[in-house]
Amino acid sequence: METKRKNVESLPVRFVKDIKRNYILYLLLLPGVLSLILFKLGPVGGMVIAFQNFSAFQGILGSKWVGLENFVRIFQDAYMLKLIKNTVILAVLSIVVVFPIPIIFSLFLNEVRVKFVKNSVQSLSFLPYFISSAVMVSILYTLLSPSYGLVNSIIKAFGGDAVYFMSKPEWFRPLYIFLQIWQTFGYSAVIYLAAMTSIDPALYEAAEADGANRWQKMFHITLPSISTSIITMLIISIGNVFTVDLDRILLMYNQSVYETADVIQTYVYRIAFQSTGFPDYSYGTAVNLVKSVIAFALVIIANKLAKKYSETRLF
């Protein structure tokens, strides 16, 4: 018992010694910790305004408490069904269309034996990830311009009429998914390629000795070996099912495409920061809180399924 007490009492001393010994590492860790506290943990306390009739003049402590009134408004809001539908469609398209592409790309890129070509393709695919959404959307506008855009120039060359892609609701989702693929597939592929580096080369040698070709090695060795990374990324994608790229949508959409482009985040943005009248911070926070709770539940369900059907689990 005395030994245990001494160990407990010596923890602060050991911690101080560890800081002195590794102070450079702790200094490197400090910005990340401050960012986590200020921008992730700190704002959580602000969710209390979802239960208030919040006024920026009165503050959180002075605003009137209304209980679940803002949450009742969500279920009474007829427009909410359209918002949920648009958000879910974009999310499902992101999982069904966008998610498999980096996996397929990394599998084929891993089969490239010329190192220079492999590294060059990987670098070029990763480059769009560092380009801001504003620039990507500007490039898209330029390509699709009805007067001078490359796409419409080709359409006109074949005798067609110019298409106003950015003002047509039916084109918003394909263009949004196209931009998402273009900007993110290289980054995701790096994760899978990194996982492939840990595969034991002896497995491939044994498969070759048994007469396996490249396709067989890809499907029976490479793909199962990176299944842990695939399931982890899938769970993250499911957790983000109600989270779309707000910047990209705000840059792409206008009133003519609200029918398909208006999602939960853009709706919250409008009601919380609308230019006319007083912004409704409380209702916007309530909508966002419900969205977050649903997303958290989906992550739990996805992880349970992963635990059931594979050896991978996060909790």
C-alpha atoms as a PDB file:
ATOM      1  CA  MET A   1       0.000   0.000   0.000  1.00  0.00           C
ATOM      2  CA  GLU A   2       2.864   2.369   0.847  1.00  0.00           C
ATOM      3  CA  THR A   3       4.583   1.544  -2.433  1.00  0.00           C
ATOM      4  CA  LYS A   4       1.402   2.375  -4.366  1.00  0.00           C
ATOM      5  CA  ARG A   5       1.050   5.663  -2.453  1.00  0.00           C
ATOM      6  CA  LYS A   6       4.655   6.584  -3.273  1.00  0.00           C
ATOM      7  CA  ASN A   7       4.046   5.847  -6.962  1.00  0.00           C
ATOM      8  CA  VAL A   8       0.924   8.025  -6.977  1.00  0.00           C
ATOM      9  CA  GLU A   9       2.680  10.859  -5.173  1.00  0.00           C
ATOM     10  CA  SER A  10       5.623  10.657  -7.538  1.00  0.00           C
ATOM     11  CA  LEU A  11       3.488  11.047 -10.697  1.00  0.00           C
ATOM     12  CA  PRO A  12       3.599  14.877 -10.710  1.00  0.00           C
ATOM     13  CA  VAL A  13       7.335  14.741 -10.101  1.00  0.00           C
ATOM     14  CA  ARG A  14       7.828  12.313 -12.979  1.00  0.00           C
ATOM     15  CA  PHE A  15       5.627  14.492 -15.189  1.00  0.00           C
ATOM     16  CA  VAL A  16       7.705  17.597 -14.443  1.00  0.00           C
ATOM     17  CA  LYS A  17      10.906  15.677 -15.133  1.00  0.00           C
ATOM     18  CA  ASP A  18       9.465  14.404 -18.396  1.00  0.00           C
ATOM     19  CA  ILE A  19       8.575  17.959 -19.446  1.00  0.00           C
ATOM     20  CA  LYS A  20      12.104  19.147 -18.669  1.00  0.00           C
ATOM     21  CA  ARG A  21      13.617  16.240 -20.579  1.00  0.00           C
ATOM     22  CA  ASN A  22      11.296  16.476 -23.619  1.00  0.00           C
ATOM     23  CA  TYR A  23      10.342  20.170 -23.538  1.00  0.00           C
ATOM     24  CA  ILE A  24      10.889  20.567 -27.291  1.00  0.00           C
ATOM     25  CA  LEU A  25       8.330  17.837 -28.032  1.00  0.00           C
ATOM     26  CA  TYR A  26       5.834  19.457 -25.659  1.00  0.00           C
ATOM     27  CA  LEU A  27       6.371  22.824 -27.366  1.00  0.00           C
ATOM     28  CA  LEU A  28       5.625  21.175 -30.703  1.00  0.00           C
ATOM     29  CA  LEU A  29       2.477  19.655 -29.175  1.00  0.00           C
ATOM     30  CA  LEU A  30       1.286  22.946 -27.655  1.00  0.00           C
ATOM     31  CA  PRO A  31      -0.197  24.595 -30.813  1.00  0.00           C
ATOM     32  CA  GLY A  32      -2.237  21.476 -31.567  1.00  0.00           C
ATOM     33  CA  VAL A  33      -3.548  21.291 -27.984  1.00  0.00           C
ATOM     34  CA  LEU A  34      -4.461  24.999 -27.988  1.00  0.00           C
ATOM     35  CA  SER A  35      -6.206  24.604 -31.341  1.00  0.00           C
ATOM     36  CA  LEU A  36      -8.160  21.616 -30.009  1.00  0.00           C
ATOM     37  CA  ILE A  37      -9.258  23.513 -26.900  1.00  0.00           C
ATOM     38  CA  LEU A  38     -10.099  26.821 -28.599  1.00  0.00           C
ATOM     39  CA  PHE A  39     -11.757  25.577 -31.780  1.00  0.00           C
ATOM     40  CA  LYS A  40     -13.080  22.101 -30.889  1.00  0.00           C
ATOM     41  CA  LEU A  41     -13.759  21.785 -27.159  1.00  0.00           C
ATOM     42  CA  GLY A  42     -14.465  25.441 -26.364  1.00  0.00           C
ATOM     43  CA  PRO A  43     -17.347  25.957 -28.821  1.00  0.00           C
ATOM     44  CA  VAL A  44     -19.140  22.879 -27.425  1.00  0.00           C
ATOM     45  CA  GLY A  45     -20.226  25.018 -24.471  1.00  0.00           C
ATOM     46  CA  GLY A  46     -21.902  27.391 -26.893  1.00  0.00           C
ATOM     47  CA  MET A  47     -24.411  24.693 -27.840  1.00  0.00           C
ATOM     48  CA  VAL A  48     -26.384  25.734 -24.781  1.00  0.00           C
ATOM     49  CA  ILE A  49     -27.945  28.505 -26.899  1.00  0.00           C
ATOM     50  CA  ALA A  50     -29.962  25.778 -28.670  1.00  0.00           C
ATOM     51  CA  PHE A  51     -32.089  25.725 -25.496  1.00  0.00           C
ATOM     52  CA  GLN A  52     -32.421  29.517 -25.340  1.00  0.00           C
ATOM     53  CA  ASN A  53     -33.933  32.398 -27.234  1.00  0.00           C
ATOM     54  CA  PHE A  54     -30.417  33.691 -27.639  1.00  0.00           C
ATOM     55  CA  SER A  55     -29.699  37.380 -28.010  1.00  0.00           C
ATOM     56  CA  ALA A  56     -26.208  38.602 -28.812  1.00  0.00           C
ATOM     57  CA  PHE A  57     -26.926  41.729 -26.745  1.00  0.00           C
ATOM     58  CA  GLN A  58     -27.883  39.765 -23.616  1.00  0.00           C
ATOM     59  CA  GLY A  59     -25.335  36.955 -24.007  1.00  0.00           C
ATOM     60  CA  ILE A  60     -25.663  33.343 -22.894  1.00  0.00           C
ATOM     61  CA  LEU A  61     -26.215  34.203 -19.236  1.00  0.00           C
ATOM     62  CA  GLY A  62     -28.872  36.827 -19.951  1.00  0.00           C
ATOM     63  CA  SER A  63     -30.838  35.102 -22.722  1.00  0.00           C
ATOM     64  CA  LYS A  64     -34.194  33.534 -21.985  1.00  0.00           C
ATOM     65  CA  TRP A  65     -34.399  29.734 -21.601  1.00  0.00           C
ATOM     66  CA  VAL A  66     -36.990  28.079 -23.861  1.00  0.00           C
ATOM     67  CA  GLY A  67     -36.179  24.398 -23.284  1.00  0.00           C
ATOM     68  CA  LEU A  68     -36.882  22.171 -26.290  1.00  0.00           C
ATOM     69  CA  GLU A  69     -38.861  24.792 -28.200  1.00  0.00           C
ATOM     70  CA  ASN A  70     -36.209  25.151 -30.937  1.00  0.00           C
ATOM     71  CA  PHE A  71     -36.067  21.376 -31.419  1.00  0.00           C
ATOM     72  CA  VAL A  72     -39.856  21.213 -31.764  1.00  0.00           C
ATOM     73  CA  ARG A  73     -39.564  23.816 -34.539  1.00  0.00           C
ATOM     74  CA  ILE A  74     -37.278  21.443 -36.455  1.00  0.00           C
ATOM     75  CA  PHE A  75     -39.993  18.787 -36.704  1.00  0.00           C
ATOM     76  CA  GLN A  76     -42.589  21.416 -37.602  1.00  0.00           C
ATOM     77  CA  ASP A  77     -40.442  22.908 -40.365  1.00  0.00           C
ATOM     78  CA  ALA A  78     -41.801  21.534 -43.661  1.00  0.00           C
ATOM     79  CA  TYR A  79     -38.669  22.616 -45.540  1.00  0.00           C
ATOM     80  CA  MET A  80     -36.498  20.381 -43.351  1.00  0.00           C
ATOM     81  CA  LEU A  81     -37.474  17.247 -45.302  1.00  0.00           C
ATOM     82  CA  LYS A  82     -36.086  18.711 -48.533  1.00  0.00           C
ATOM     83  CA  LEU A  83     -32.892  19.731 -46.739  1.00  0.00           C
ATOM     84  CA  ILE A  84     -32.415  16.256 -45.284  1.00  0.00           C
ATOM     85  CA  LYS A  85     -33.129  14.684 -48.668  1.00  0.00           C
ATOM     86  CA  ASN A  86     -30.558  16.875 -50.452  1.00  0.00           C
ATOM     87  CA  THR A  87     -27.956  16.310 -47.737  1.00  0.00           C
ATOM     88  CA  VAL A  88     -28.427  12.541 -47.670  1.00  0.00           C
ATOM     89  CA  ILE A  89     -28.310  12.270 -51.489  1.00  0.00           C
ATOM     90  CA  LEU A  90     -24.996  14.154 -51.601  1.00  0.00           C
ATOM     91  CA  ALA A  91     -23.653  12.049 -48.722  1.00  0.00           C
ATOM     92  CA  VAL A  92     -24.708   8.749 -50.311  1.00  0.00           C
ATOM     93  CA  LEU A  93     -23.175   9.797 -53.625  1.00  0.00           C
ATOM     94  CA  SER A  94     -19.972  10.667 -51.769  1.00  0.00           C
ATOM     95  CA  ILE A  95     -19.830   7.193 -50.220  1.00  0.00           C
ATOM     96  CA  VAL A  96     -20.986   5.195 -53.249  1.00  0.00           C
ATOM     97  CA  VAL A  97     -19.132   7.130 -55.971  1.00  0.00           C
ATOM     98  CA  VAL A  98     -16.269   9.011 -54.297  1.00  0.00           C
ATOM     99  CA  PHE A  99     -15.179   6.501 -51.642  1.00  0.00           C
ATOM    100  CA  PRO A 100     -14.222   3.559 -53.927  1.00  0.00           C
ATOM    101  CA  ILE A 101     -12.212   5.645 -56.422  1.00  0.00           C
ATOM    102  CA  PRO A 102      -9.104   6.176 -54.226  1.00  0.00           C
ATOM    103  CA  ILE A 103      -9.078   2.450 -53.410  1.00  0.00           C
ATOM    104  CA  ILE A 104      -9.180   1.463 -57.094  1.00  0.00           C
ATOM    105  CA  PHE A 105      -6.616   4.128 -57.979  1.00  0.00           C
ATOM    106  CA  SER A 106      -4.192   3.033 -55.235  1.00  0.00           C
ATOM    107  CA  LEU A 107      -4.537  -0.644 -56.207  1.00  0.00           C
ATOM    108  CA  PHE A 108      -3.590   0.090 -59.821  1.00  0.00           C
ATOM    109  CA  LEU A 109      -0.887   2.602 -58.891  1.00  0.00           C
ATOM    110  CA  ASN A 110       0.676   0.032 -56.588  1.00  0.00           C
ATOM    111  CA  GLU A 111       1.111  -2.255 -59.601  1.00  0.00           C
ATOM    112  CA  VAL A 112       3.208   0.311 -61.482  1.00  0.00           C
ATOM    113  CA  ARG A 113       6.791  -0.912 -61.457  1.00  0.00           C
ATOM    114  CA  VAL A 114       8.489   2.204 -62.898  1.00  0.00           C
ATOM    115  CA  LYS A 115       9.253   4.227 -59.777  1.00  0.00           C
ATOM    116  CA  PHE A 116       9.488   7.597 -61.541  1.00  0.00           C
ATOM    117  CA  VAL A 117       6.081   7.165 -63.178  1.00  0.00           C
ATOM    118  CA  LYS A 118       4.512   5.944 -59.931  1.00  0.00           C
ATOM    119  CA  ASN A 119       5.861   8.882 -57.887  1.00  0.00           C
ATOM    120  CA  SER A 120       4.920  11.406 -60.566  1.00  0.00           C
ATOM    121  CA  VAL A 121       1.333  10.169 -60.854  1.00  0.00           C
ATOM    122  CA  GLN A 122       0.977  10.066 -57.075  1.00  0.00           C
ATOM    123  CA  SER A 123       2.267  13.647 -56.724  1.00  0.00           C
ATOM    124  CA  LEU A 124       0.003  14.963 -59.484  1.00  0.00           C
ATOM    125  CA  SER A 125      -3.055  13.253 -57.995  1.00  0.00           C
ATOM    126  CA  PHE A 126      -2.255  14.662 -54.559  1.00  0.00           C
ATOM    127  CA  LEU A 127      -1.718  18.250 -55.782  1.00  0.00           C
ATOM    128  CA  PRO A 128      -5.437  19.301 -56.028  1.00  0.00           C
ATOM    129  CA  TYR A 129      -5.840  18.620 -52.305  1.00  0.00           C
ATOM    130  CA  PHE A 130      -3.782  21.760 -51.582  1.00  0.00           C
ATOM    131  CA  ILE A 131      -5.888  23.948 -53.869  1.00  0.00           C
ATOM    132  CA  SER A 132      -8.642  25.874 -52.096  1.00  0.00           C
ATOM    133  CA  SER A 133     -12.297  25.282 -52.866  1.00  0.00           C
ATOM    134  CA  ALA A 134     -12.577  28.839 -54.198  1.00  0.00           C
ATOM    135  CA  VAL A 135      -9.904  28.194 -56.816  1.00  0.00           C
ATOM    136  CA  MET A 136     -11.365  24.800 -57.749  1.00  0.00           C
ATOM    137  CA  VAL A 137     -14.827  26.276 -58.249  1.00  0.00           C
ATOM    138  CA  SER A 138     -13.343  29.139 -60.275  1.00  0.00           C
ATOM    139  CA  ILE A 139     -11.637  26.613 -62.552  1.00  0.00           C
ATOM    140  CA  LEU A 140     -14.945  24.771 -62.903  1.00  0.00           C
ATOM    141  CA  TYR A 141     -16.761  28.008 -63.808  1.00  0.00           C
ATOM    142  CA  THR A 142     -14.108  28.730 -66.442  1.00  0.00           C
ATOM    143  CA  LEU A 143     -14.357  25.248 -67.962  1.00  0.00           C
ATOM    144  CA  LEU A 144     -18.158  25.342 -68.046  1.00  0.00           C
ATOM    145  CA  SER A 145     -18.673  28.950 -69.112  1.00  0.00           C
ATOM    146  CA  PRO A 146     -21.440  29.061 -71.777  1.00  0.00           C
ATOM    147  CA  SER A 147     -19.559  31.723 -73.757  1.00  0.00           C
ATOM    148  CA  TYR A 148     -15.885  30.733 -73.633  1.00  0.00           C
ATOM    149  CA  GLY A 149     -15.671  27.502 -71.587  1.00  0.00           C
ATOM    150  CA  LEU A 150     -13.857  24.489 -73.016  1.00  0.00           C
ATOM    151  CA  VAL A 151     -16.777  22.111 -72.430  1.00  0.00           C
ATOM    152  CA  ASN A 152     -19.325  24.312 -74.202  1.00  0.00           C
ATOM    153  CA  SER A 153     -16.843  25.023 -77.007  1.00  0.00           C
ATOM    154  CA  ILE A 154     -16.681  21.266 -77.660  1.00  0.00           C
ATOM    155  CA  ILE A 155     -20.492  21.014 -77.512  1.00  0.00           C
ATOM    156  CA  LYS A 156     -20.829  23.863 -80.015  1.00  0.00           C
ATOM    157  CA  ALA A 157     -18.197  22.284 -82.271  1.00  0.00           C
ATOM    158  CA  PHE A 158     -20.437  19.222 -82.592  1.00  0.00           C
ATOM    159  CA  GLY A 159     -23.454  21.364 -83.424  1.00  0.00           C
ATOM    160  CA  GLY A 160     -25.007  21.559 -79.962  1.00  0.00           C
ATOM    161  CA  ASP A 161     -26.227  24.537 -77.962  1.00  0.00           C
ATOM    162  CA  ALA A 162     -24.370  25.986 -74.992  1.00  0.00           C
ATOM    163  CA  VAL A 163     -25.469  24.564 -71.635  1.00  0.00           C
ATOM    164  CA  TYR A 164     -25.665  26.772 -68.540  1.00  0.00           C
ATOM    165  CA  PHE A 165     -24.380  24.032 -66.239  1.00  0.00           C
ATOM    166  CA  MET A 166     -23.996  26.154 -63.090  1.00  0.00           C
ATOM    167  CA  SER A 167     -27.605  27.382 -63.198  1.00  0.00           C
ATOM    168  CA  LYS A 168     -29.294  24.014 -63.764  1.00  0.00           C
ATOM    169  CA  PRO A 169     -30.413  22.103 -60.628  1.00  0.00           C
ATOM    170  CA  GLU A 170     -29.928  18.690 -62.275  1.00  0.00           C
ATOM    171  CA  TRP A 171     -26.226  19.429 -62.878  1.00  0.00           C
ATOM    172  CA  PHE A 172     -25.364  20.584 -59.351  1.00  0.00           C
ATOM    173  CA  ARG A 173     -24.879  17.129 -57.794  1.00  0.00           C
ATOM    174  CA  PRO A 174     -22.712  15.665 -60.606  1.00  0.00           C
ATOM    175  CA  LEU A 175     -20.514  18.777 -60.574  1.00  0.00           C
ATOM    176  CA  TYR A 176     -20.218  18.721 -56.779  1.00  0.00           C
ATOM    177  CA  ILE A 177     -19.194  15.048 -56.806  1.00  0.00           C
ATOM    178  CA  PHE A 178     -16.769  15.681 -59.683  1.00  0.00           C
ATOM    179  CA  LEU A 179     -15.029  18.410 -57.678  1.00  0.00           C
ATOM    180  CA  GLN A 180     -14.931  16.217 -54.583  1.00  0.00           C
ATOM    181  CA  ILE A 181     -13.304  13.379 -56.514  1.00  0.00           C
ATOM    182  CA  TRP A 182     -10.834  15.732 -58.183  1.00  0.00           C
ATOM    183  CA  GLN A 183      -9.799  17.375 -54.921  1.00  0.00           C
ATOM    184  CA  THR A 184      -9.707  14.446 -52.482  1.00  0.00           C
ATOM    185  CA  PHE A 185      -8.997  11.142 -54.229  1.00  0.00           C
ATOM    186  CA  GLY A 186      -5.214  11.675 -54.303  1.00  0.00           C
ATOM    187  CA  TYR A 187      -5.098  12.381 -50.568  1.00  0.00           C
ATOM    188  CA  SER A 188      -7.139   9.288 -49.715  1.00  0.00           C
ATOM    189  CA  ALA A 189      -5.035   7.160 -52.068  1.00  0.00           C
ATOM    190  CA  VAL A 190      -1.906   8.095 -50.094  1.00  0.00           C
ATOM    191  CA  ILE A 191      -3.440   6.487 -47.008  1.00  0.00           C
ATOM    192  CA  TYR A 192      -4.056   3.213 -48.839  1.00  0.00           C
ATOM    193  CA  LEU A 193      -0.638   3.275 -50.516  1.00  0.00           C
ATOM    194  CA  ALA A 194       0.956   3.757 -47.096  1.00  0.00           C
ATOM    195  CA  ALA A 195      -0.967   0.729 -45.824  1.00  0.00           C
ATOM    196  CA  MET A 196       0.294  -1.305 -48.799  1.00  0.00           C
ATOM    197  CA  THR A 197       3.922  -0.658 -47.825  1.00  0.00           C
ATOM    198  CA  SER A 198       3.416  -2.776 -44.702  1.00  0.00           C
ATOM    199  CA  ILE A 199       2.368  -5.878 -46.690  1.00  0.00           C
ATOM    200  CA  ASP A 200       4.910  -8.678 -46.363  1.00  0.00           C
ATOM    201  CA  PRO A 201       6.626  -9.208 -49.778  1.00  0.00           C
ATOM    202  CA  ALA A 202       6.827 -12.921 -48.959  1.00  0.00           C
ATOM    203  CA  LEU A 203       3.080 -13.136 -49.572  1.00  0.00           C
ATOM    204  CA  TYR A 204       3.520 -11.963 -53.156  1.00  0.00           C
ATOM    205  CA  GLU A 205       6.487 -14.281 -53.672  1.00  0.00           C
ATOM    206  CA  ALA A 206       4.471 -17.245 -52.413  1.00  0.00           C
ATOM    207  CA  ALA A 207       1.560 -16.277 -54.683  1.00  0.00           C
ATOM    208  CA  GLU A 208       3.884 -16.036 -57.695  1.00  0.00           C
ATOM    209  CA  ALA A 209       5.298 -19.464 -56.868  1.00  0.00           C
ATOM    210  CA  ASP A 210       1.738 -20.793 -56.953  1.00  0.00           C
ATOM    211  CA  GLY A 211       1.201 -19.232 -60.374  1.00  0.00           C
ATOM    212  CA  ALA A 212      -0.946 -16.253 -59.334  1.00  0.00           C
ATOM    213  CA  ASN A 213      -1.152 -13.362 -61.803  1.00  0.00           C
ATOM    214  CA  ARG A 214      -1.304  -9.660 -60.948  1.00  0.00           C
ATOM    215  CA  TRP A 215      -5.092  -9.555 -60.744  1.00  0.00           C
ATOM    216  CA  GLN A 216      -5.172 -12.502 -58.343  1.00  0.00           C
ATOM    217  CA  LYS A 217      -2.465 -10.975 -56.142  1.00  0.00           C
ATOM    218  CA  MET A 218      -4.334  -7.675 -56.129  1.00  0.00           C
ATOM    219  CA  PHE A 219      -7.661  -9.181 -55.046  1.00  0.00           C
ATOM    220  CA  HIS A 220      -6.397 -11.930 -52.751  1.00  0.00           C
ATOM    221  CA  ILE A 221      -3.406 -10.228 -51.084  1.00  0.00           C
ATOM    222  CA  THR A 222      -3.362  -6.443 -51.516  1.00  0.00           C
ATOM    223  CA  LEU A 223      -7.052  -5.728 -51.017  1.00  0.00           C
ATOM    224  CA  PRO A 224      -7.516  -7.938 -47.892  1.00  0.00           C
ATOM    225  CA  SER A 225      -4.294  -6.530 -46.418  1.00  0.00           C
ATOM    226  CA  ILE A 226      -5.592  -2.947 -46.518  1.00  0.00           C
ATOM    227  CA  SER A 227      -9.107  -3.839 -45.358  1.00  0.00           C
ATOM    228  CA  THR A 228      -8.399  -2.287 -41.945  1.00  0.00           C
ATOM    229  CA  SER A 229      -7.664   1.087 -43.528  1.00  0.00           C
ATOM    230  CA  ILE A 230     -10.675   0.773 -45.841  1.00  0.00           C
ATOM    231  CA  ILE A 231     -13.081   0.055 -42.983  1.00  0.00           C
ATOM    232  CA  THR A 232     -11.629   2.856 -40.872  1.00  0.00           C
ATOM    233  CA  MET A 233     -12.048   5.350 -43.720  1.00  0.00           C
ATOM    234  CA  LEU A 234     -15.569   4.043 -44.379  1.00  0.00           C
ATOM    235  CA  ILE A 235     -16.563   4.613 -40.754  1.00  0.00           C
ATOM    236  CA  ILE A 236     -15.211   8.163 -40.960  1.00  0.00           C
ATOM    237  CA  SER A 237     -17.170   8.718 -44.188  1.00  0.00           C
ATOM    238  CA  ILE A 238     -20.369   7.450 -42.593  1.00  0.00           C
ATOM    239  CA  GLY A 239     -19.752   9.728 -39.616  1.00  0.00           C
ATOM    240  CA  ASN A 240     -19.579  12.635 -42.060  1.00  0.00           C
ATOM    241  CA  VAL A 241     -22.767  11.574 -43.840  1.00  0.00           C
ATOM    242  CA  PHE A 242     -24.512  14.837 -42.850  1.00  0.00           C
ATOM    243  CA  THR A 243     -21.384  16.921 -43.358  1.00  0.00           C
ATOM    244  CA  VAL A 244     -20.854  18.329 -46.825  1.00  0.00           C
ATOM    245  CA  ASP A 245     -18.268  20.826 -48.041  1.00  0.00           C
ATOM    246  CA  LEU A 246     -20.048  24.057 -47.131  1.00  0.00           C
ATOM    247  CA  ASP A 247     -17.466  26.304 -48.809  1.00  0.00           C
ATOM    248  CA  ARG A 248     -17.778  24.432 -52.091  1.00  0.00           C
ATOM    249  CA  ILE A 249     -21.571  24.560 -52.042  1.00  0.00           C
ATOM    250  CA  LEU A 250     -21.720  28.259 -51.134  1.00  0.00           C
ATOM    251  CA  LEU A 251     -19.381  29.029 -54.009  1.00  0.00           C
ATOM    252  CA  MET A 252     -21.315  26.862 -56.466  1.00  0.00           C
ATOM    253  CA  TYR A 253     -24.932  27.495 -55.654  1.00  0.00           C
ATOM    254  CA  ASN A 254     -27.433  30.246 -56.341  1.00  0.00           C
ATOM    255  CA  GLN A 255     -31.199  30.571 -56.118  1.00  0.00           C
ATOM    256  CA  SER A 256     -31.713  28.717 -59.389  1.00  0.00           C
ATOM    257  CA  VAL A 257     -30.180  25.506 -57.960  1.00  0.00           C
ATOM    258  CA  TYR A 258     -31.662  25.661 -54.430  1.00  0.00           C
ATOM    259  CA  GLU A 259     -33.879  22.708 -55.343  1.00  0.00           C
ATOM    260  CA  THR A 260     -30.909  20.306 -55.248  1.00  0.00           C
ATOM    261  CA  ALA A 261     -28.130  22.405 -53.669  1.00  0.00           C
ATOM    262  CA  ASP A 262     -29.771  23.587 -50.465  1.00  0.00           C
ATOM    263  CA  VAL A 263     -28.587  21.330 -47.628  1.00  0.00           C
ATOM    264  CA  ILE A 264     -28.694  21.464 -43.828  1.00  0.00           C
ATOM    265  CA  GLN A 265     -25.447  23.423 -43.510  1.00  0.00           C
ATOM    266  CA  THR A 266     -26.429  26.092 -46.049  1.00  0.00           C
ATOM    267  CA  TYR A 267     -29.835  26.430 -44.380  1.00  0.00           C
ATOM    268  CA  VAL A 268     -28.186  26.877 -40.973  1.00  0.00           C
ATOM    269  CA  TYR A 269     -25.814  29.415 -42.518  1.00  0.00           C
ATOM    270  CA  ARG A 270     -28.707  31.420 -43.928  1.00  0.00           C
ATOM    271  CA  ILE A 271     -30.839  31.476 -40.798  1.00  0.00           C
ATOM    272  CA  ALA A 272     -27.886  32.176 -38.492  1.00  0.00           C
ATOM    273  CA  PHE A 273     -26.200  34.814 -40.676  1.00  0.00           C
ATOM    274  CA  GLN A 274     -29.011  36.118 -42.851  1.00  0.00           C
ATOM    275  CA  SER A 275     -28.609  39.693 -44.045  1.00  0.00           C
ATOM    276  CA  THR A 276     -32.230  40.723 -43.381  1.00  0.00           C
ATOM    277  CA  GLY A 277     -33.808  40.805 -39.938  1.00  0.00           C
ATOM    278  CA  PHE A 278     -32.191  39.331 -36.845  1.00  0.00           C
ATOM    279  CA  PRO A 279     -30.151  36.114 -37.191  1.00  0.00           C
ATOM    280  CA  ASP A 280     -31.684  33.116 -35.432  1.00  0.00           C
ATOM    281  CA  TYR A 281     -28.625  31.658 -33.717  1.00  0.00           C
ATOM    282  CA  SER A 282     -30.641  29.419 -31.393  1.00  0.00           C
ATOM    283  CA  TYR A 283     -32.574  27.610 -34.113  1.00  0.00           C
ATOM    284  CA  GLY A 284     -29.460  27.237 -36.261  1.00  0.00           C
ATOM    285  CA  THR A 285     -27.589  25.707 -33.312  1.00  0.00           C
ATOM    286  CA  ALA A 286     -30.479  23.331 -32.586  1.00  0.00           C
ATOM    287  CA  VAL A 287     -30.509  22.089 -36.197  1.00  0.00           C
ATOM    288  CA  ASN A 288     -26.755  21.589 -36.131  1.00  0.00           C
ATOM    289  CA  LEU A 289     -26.918  19.782 -32.771  1.00  0.00           C
ATOM    290  CA  VAL A 290     -29.524  17.315 -34.047  1.00  0.00           C
ATOM    291  CA  LYS A 291     -27.383  16.709 -37.137  1.00  0.00           C
ATOM    292  CA  SER A 292     -24.331  16.018 -34.967  1.00  0.00           C
ATOM    293  CA  VAL A 293     -26.211  13.584 -32.717  1.00  0.00           C
ATOM    294  CA  ILE A 294     -27.482  11.637 -35.749  1.00  0.00           C
ATOM    295  CA  ALA A 295     -23.970  11.559 -37.239  1.00  0.00           C
ATOM    296  CA  PHE A 296     -22.553  10.271 -33.950  1.00  0.00           C
ATOM    297  CA  ALA A 297     -25.183   7.523 -33.847  1.00  0.00           C
ATOM    298  CA  LEU A 298     -24.279   6.515 -37.408  1.00  0.00           C
ATOM    299  CA  VAL A 299     -20.600   6.243 -36.425  1.00  0.00           C
ATOM    300  CA  ILE A 300     -21.506   3.940 -33.522  1.00  0.00           C
ATOM    301  CA  ILE A 301     -23.668   1.768 -35.779  1.00  0.00           C
ATOM    302  CA  ALA A 302     -20.984   1.608 -38.478  1.00  0.00           C
ATOM    303  CA  ASN A 303     -18.368   0.597 -35.934  1.00  0.00           C
ATOM    304  CA  LYS A 304     -20.623  -2.109 -34.516  1.00  0.00           C
ATOM    305  CA  LEU A 305     -21.101  -3.506 -38.008  1.00  0.00           C
ATOM    306  CA  ALA A 306     -17.349  -3.353 -38.618  1.00  0.00           C
ATOM    307  CA  LYS A 307     -16.779  -5.184 -35.341  1.00  0.00           C
ATOM    308  CA  LYS A 308     -19.297  -7.828 -36.359  1.00  0.00           C
ATOM    309  CA  TYR A 309     -18.073  -8.463 -39.893  1.00  0.00           C
ATOM    310  CA  SER A 310     -14.339  -7.944 -39.468  1.00  0.00           C
ATOM    311  CA  GLU A 311     -11.602  -7.788 -36.888  1.00  0.00           C
ATOM    312  CA  THR A 312     -11.418  -4.007 -37.156  1.00  0.00           C
ATOM    313  CA  ARG A 313     -12.906  -1.747 -34.510  1.00  0.00           C
ATOM    314  CA  LEU A 314     -12.204   1.752 -33.268  1.00  0.00           C
ATOM    315  CA  PHE A 315     -13.682   1.603 -29.750  1.00  0.00           C
END
